[in-house]
Protein backbone atom coordinates (compact mmCIF):
# COMPACT_ATOMS: atom_id res chain seq x y z
CA MET A 1 -11.99 -6.80 -0.45
CA ALA A 2 -8.38 -8.04 0.24
CA TRP A 3 -6.32 -7.37 -3.17
CA PRO A 4 -3.26 -9.56 -4.16
CA SER A 5 -0.31 -7.77 -3.80
CA VAL A 6 3.18 -8.11 -5.64
CA GLU A 7 7.22 -8.10 -5.55
CA ILE A 8 9.13 -6.36 -7.99
CA GLU A 9 12.57 -7.83 -7.63
CA VAL A 10 15.42 -6.17 -9.89
CA GLU A 11 18.96 -7.54 -9.82
CA GLY A 12 17.87 -9.08 -6.39
CA GLU A 13 16.63 -5.67 -5.01
CA SER A 14 12.79 -5.98 -4.26
CA TYR A 15 9.82 -3.58 -3.56
CA ARG A 16 6.34 -4.79 -2.21
CA THR A 17 3.27 -3.21 -3.16
CA SER A 18 -0.11 -3.65 -3.76
CA PRO A 19 -1.68 -2.67 -7.31
CA PRO A 20 -2.19 -0.72 -9.44
CA VAL A 21 1.32 0.59 -10.14
CA VAL A 22 3.51 1.50 -12.76
CA LEU A 23 7.16 0.48 -13.47
CA GLY A 24 9.13 2.68 -15.89
CA ARG A 25 11.37 5.18 -16.16
CA SER A 26 11.79 8.48 -13.84
CA ARG A 27 13.83 11.54 -15.05
CA ARG A 28 17.21 12.47 -13.08
CA ALA A 29 19.75 15.06 -13.99
CA GLY A 30 22.55 14.16 -15.78
CA SER A 31 22.59 11.17 -18.60
CA GLN A 32 21.13 8.20 -16.79
CA ASP A 33 17.50 8.28 -15.69
CA VAL A 34 15.91 5.45 -13.07
CA LEU A 35 13.74 2.52 -13.16
CA ALA A 36 11.16 3.35 -10.60
CA VAL A 37 7.61 1.77 -9.33
CA LYS A 38 5.21 4.72 -9.21
CA THR A 39 1.53 5.44 -8.63
CA LEU A 40 -1.16 5.79 -11.92
CA GLU A 41 -0.65 9.36 -11.54
CA GLY A 42 3.37 9.18 -11.59
CA GLU A 43 4.18 9.75 -8.17
CA GLU A 44 7.55 7.46 -7.49
CA LEU A 45 6.94 5.21 -4.63
CA TYR A 46 10.37 3.27 -4.96
CA VAL A 47 13.89 3.51 -7.20
CA PHE A 48 15.98 0.73 -7.80
CA LYS A 49 19.25 1.52 -7.06
CA GLY A 50 21.29 -0.95 -8.71
CA VAL A 51 19.85 -0.35 -12.49
CA TYR A 52 20.04 2.44 -14.85
CA ALA A 53 16.90 3.47 -17.62
CA ARG A 54 18.10 4.08 -20.91
CA TRP A 55 16.24 6.93 -22.79
CA GLY A 56 16.63 8.75 -26.17
CA CYS A 57 15.76 5.97 -29.13
CA VAL A 58 15.57 7.03 -32.58
CA GLY A 59 15.08 5.46 -35.87
CA ASN A 60 15.18 1.75 -35.03
CA ASP A 61 16.08 1.73 -31.69
CA THR A 62 13.92 0.44 -29.48
CA ASP A 63 16.24 -0.34 -26.53
CA CYS A 64 14.77 2.72 -24.27
CA THR A 65 12.58 2.79 -21.22
CA SER A 66 9.38 4.37 -21.13
CA HIS A 67 8.34 6.40 -18.33
CA ARG A 68 5.01 4.09 -18.17
CA GLN A 69 7.04 1.01 -19.25
CA LEU A 70 4.75 -1.52 -17.47
CA GLU A 71 1.08 -1.45 -15.83
CA ILE A 72 0.34 -3.70 -12.93
CA ALA A 73 -3.12 -3.97 -12.01
CA VAL A 74 -5.55 -6.65 -10.46
CA GLU A 75 -8.28 -7.83 -12.61
CA GLY A 76 -10.83 -10.84 -11.19
CA GLY A 77 -8.53 -11.85 -8.36
CA ALA A 78 -5.38 -12.17 -10.66
CA VAL A 79 -2.18 -9.91 -11.35
CA VAL A 80 -2.29 -8.51 -14.77
CA VAL A 81 1.29 -7.27 -15.98
CA LYS A 82 0.80 -5.10 -19.46
CA ASN A 83 3.39 -4.00 -21.26
CA VAL A 84 2.20 -0.39 -22.00
CA GLY A 85 5.09 1.39 -23.13
CA SER A 86 6.03 2.44 -26.91
CA THR A 87 8.83 -0.09 -26.59
CA PRO A 88 8.76 -3.91 -26.66
CA THR A 89 9.10 -6.04 -23.26
CA TYR A 90 10.35 -9.66 -23.52
CA SER A 91 9.60 -12.88 -21.24
CA GLN A 92 12.51 -15.75 -22.33
CA GLY A 93 13.21 -14.32 -25.76
CA ARG A 94 9.10 -13.56 -26.66
CA GLN A 95 7.47 -10.04 -27.25
CA ILE A 96 4.83 -9.82 -24.62
CA ASN A 97 1.95 -7.72 -24.42
CA MET A 98 0.00 -8.99 -21.23
CA VAL A 99 0.97 -11.47 -18.40
CA ILE A 100 -1.35 -13.16 -15.84
CA LEU A 101 -0.26 -14.13 -12.72
CA SER A 102 -2.20 -15.95 -10.08
CA PRO A 103 -0.75 -15.88 -6.37
CA GLY A 104 1.97 -17.66 -6.14
CA GLN A 105 3.29 -17.36 -9.79
CA TRP A 106 5.72 -15.13 -11.19
CA VAL A 107 7.39 -13.85 -14.55
CA GLU A 108 10.77 -12.79 -15.56
CA LEU A 109 10.97 -10.06 -17.87
CA ALA A 110 13.70 -7.99 -19.75
CA LEU A 111 12.58 -4.87 -20.13
CA PRO A 112 13.95 -2.08 -22.77
CA GLY A 113 17.11 0.06 -21.94
CA VAL A 114 17.20 -1.46 -18.44
CA TYR A 115 20.63 -2.28 -17.39
CA THR A 116 22.72 -2.61 -14.27
CA HIS A 117 25.41 0.35 -13.92
CA ASP A 118 28.32 -2.69 -14.94
CA GLY A 119 26.86 -2.93 -18.75
CA ARG A 120 24.53 -5.69 -18.05
CA LYS A 121 20.78 -6.48 -18.94
CA ALA A 122 19.10 -6.45 -15.96
CA ARG A 123 17.13 -9.23 -14.64
CA VAL A 124 13.19 -8.00 -13.53
CA VAL A 125 10.80 -10.71 -11.41
CA ILE A 126 7.64 -9.83 -10.60
CA ARG A 127 5.49 -12.35 -8.35
CA ALA A 128 2.05 -12.52 -7.26
CA LEU A 129 2.16 -12.69 -3.45
CA GLY A 130 -1.39 -13.40 -2.97
CA ALA A 131 -4.41 -11.59 -0.91
CA GLU A 132 -2.92 -9.40 1.86
CA PRO A 133 -5.88 -7.19 4.11
CA PRO A 134 -5.08 -3.82 3.22
CA VAL A 135 -3.80 -1.89 6.21
CA GLN A 136 -6.44 1.03 7.13
CA PRO A 137 -4.49 4.44 7.15
CA ALA A 138 -6.28 5.40 10.59
CA THR A 139 -5.33 2.40 12.23
CA ALA A 140 -1.70 2.53 11.11
CA LEU A 141 -1.14 6.01 12.19
CA CYS A 142 -2.60 5.19 15.56
CA THR A 143 -0.15 2.72 15.75
CA ALA A 144 2.71 4.76 15.06
CA PHE A 145 1.52 7.46 17.22
CA CYS A 146 1.56 5.28 20.23
CA GLU A 147 4.93 3.88 19.29
CA ALA A 148 6.21 7.93 19.34
CA TRP A 149 3.99 8.37 22.46
CA GLN A 150 6.20 5.70 24.41
CA ILE A 151 9.37 7.09 23.22
CA ILE A 152 8.83 10.70 23.87
CA SER A 153 7.19 9.33 27.36
CA GLN A 154 10.76 7.67 28.18
CA LEU A 155 12.56 10.98 26.98
CA TYR A 156 10.37 13.15 29.48
CA SER A 157 11.32 11.10 32.22
CA TRP A 158 14.92 11.09 31.38
CA ALA A 159 14.67 15.00 31.25
CA ALA A 160 13.11 14.77 34.56
CA GLY A 161 15.43 12.88 36.22
CA HIS A 162 19.16 13.66 35.05
CA GLN A 163 21.49 16.23 34.95
CA LEU A 164 22.67 17.78 31.47
CA GLU A 165 26.32 15.94 32.53
CA ILE A 166 25.59 12.13 32.03
CA PRO A 167 28.10 9.34 31.34
CA ALA A 168 29.47 7.91 28.17
CA LYS A 169 27.10 5.06 28.36
CA GLN A 170 23.61 6.93 28.62
CA VAL A 171 24.81 9.35 25.88
CA GLU A 172 24.75 6.37 23.64
CA ASP A 173 21.44 5.16 24.99
CA LEU A 174 19.98 8.65 24.54
CA GLU A 175 21.27 9.11 21.06
CA HIS A 176 19.54 5.83 20.37
CA THR A 177 16.25 6.91 21.93
CA LEU A 178 16.59 9.87 19.98
CA SER A 179 17.14 7.91 16.62
CA ALA A 180 14.14 5.83 17.04
CA PHE A 181 11.87 8.88 17.72
CA LYS A 182 13.12 10.74 14.81
CA GLY A 183 12.06 7.46 12.67
CA HIS A 184 8.84 7.55 14.05
CA LEU A 185 8.05 11.31 13.46
CA ASP A 186 9.15 10.71 9.24
CA ALA A 187 6.57 7.78 9.44
CA LEU A 188 3.97 9.88 11.36
CA VAL A 189 4.77 12.92 8.64
CA THR A 190 4.07 10.51 5.65
CA MET A 191 0.78 9.42 7.33
CA MET A 192 -0.49 13.06 8.64
CA VAL A 193 -0.22 14.31 5.19
CA LYS A 194 -3.39 12.40 4.09
CA VAL A 195 -5.33 11.57 7.64
CA ASN A 196 -4.11 15.07 9.53
CA PRO A 197 -2.57 17.57 7.38
CA ASP A 198 -3.06 20.24 9.66
CA ASP A 199 -0.28 18.79 12.04
CA VAL A 200 2.37 18.19 9.51
CA HIS A 201 4.27 21.39 10.20
CA ARG A 202 4.41 20.82 13.83
CA LEU A 203 5.82 16.97 13.74
CA ALA A 204 8.46 18.20 11.18
CA THR A 205 9.50 20.89 13.84
CA HIS A 206 10.51 18.68 16.53
CA ARG A 207 12.40 16.44 14.15
CA THR A 208 14.72 19.66 13.66
CA SER A 209 14.62 19.56 17.55
CA ILE A 210 15.80 16.31 17.70
CA GLU A 211 18.70 17.20 15.45
CA LEU A 212 19.81 19.91 17.68
CA ILE A 213 19.73 17.64 20.56
CA GLN A 214 21.67 14.86 18.55
CA ALA A 215 24.37 17.78 17.40
CA GLN A 216 24.93 18.75 21.05
CA LEU A 217 25.55 15.13 21.86
CA ARG A 218 28.06 14.60 19.29
CA GLN A 219 29.98 17.62 20.74
CA GLY A 220 29.93 16.00 24.41
CA SER A 221 27.69 18.32 25.73
CA LEU A 222 24.02 19.45 26.06
CA SER A 223 22.91 22.90 26.96
CA SER A 224 20.19 23.87 29.25
CA GLU A 225 17.44 24.30 26.55
CA VAL A 226 17.42 20.33 26.18
CA LYS A 227 15.43 19.77 28.84
CA THR A 228 13.18 22.43 27.94
CA SER A 229 12.70 21.12 24.01
CA ILE A 230 12.06 17.53 25.30
CA VAL A 231 9.51 18.88 27.86
CA PHE A 232 7.74 21.19 25.13
CA MET A 233 7.72 18.03 22.86
CA TYR A 234 6.28 15.60 25.62
CA ASN A 235 3.28 18.58 25.95
CA ASP A 236 2.81 18.61 22.28
CA ILE A 237 2.63 15.40 21.31
CA ASN A 238 0.32 14.86 24.14
CA TYR A 239 -1.98 17.27 22.68
CA LEU A 240 -1.75 15.56 19.43
CA ARG A 241 -2.45 12.16 20.84
CA GLU A 242 -5.67 13.51 22.39
CA ARG A 243 -7.02 15.08 19.43
CA LEU A 244 -6.13 11.77 17.52
CA GLU A 245 -8.24 9.85 20.25
CA GLN A 246 -11.29 11.96 19.42
CA LYS A 247 -11.02 12.05 15.71
CA LEU A 248 -9.83 8.41 15.34
CA ALA A 249 -10.65 6.85 18.40
CA CYS A 250 -6.68 5.77 18.74
CA ARG A 251 -5.85 4.63 22.48
CA CYS A 252 -2.44 4.72 23.92
């Protein structure tokens, strides 16, 4: 079944996700905690950078954000926003316990203790975006891996056909390609944790190799080990690609 997705906007900064999620305070070192979107188990999915979440209420003070302030879920095809915190949430000046949103509807809320860094009460908007087909983890992993495979193949072709002394323009192109590959590896590490955790360390090692090559590029020189590193990454990624092809029917 395709579940409705939601957009959570806080002072113009937005994050889209699929319920169920929690919106609440996350602990940070120092005097200011943050407002975060979290899983039901408390794992942070996104932190809003433009606001902070107040804590430490005593007595009649209720202007503090709970770790679980709002719970956003799906019930009967609608998005249901519930105040589950120990302090009240308001909408248009009225205290709310629950808001039900059909696709396309939105609600503006005032969460307790959530302020901008210049001291203004933060504007929080939750929108029900309608049904979006979920992306299967295996499908997403195959797509990301094939894109990474295409990039490392380009790097392999470069390593096979170029000398270590290259013009400035080619250095710029190589830096861009390496950055793109590193970004794909970061995404793959996140996906591999759930689908194929045994290979996470190998991908993280390749990321370190890329950073070493980038450091050499910034210094204007490449060592003889660069080609060796690229060839090794190419062969290892090809090995992982073949394993995914057997396990998940990936086709690159």
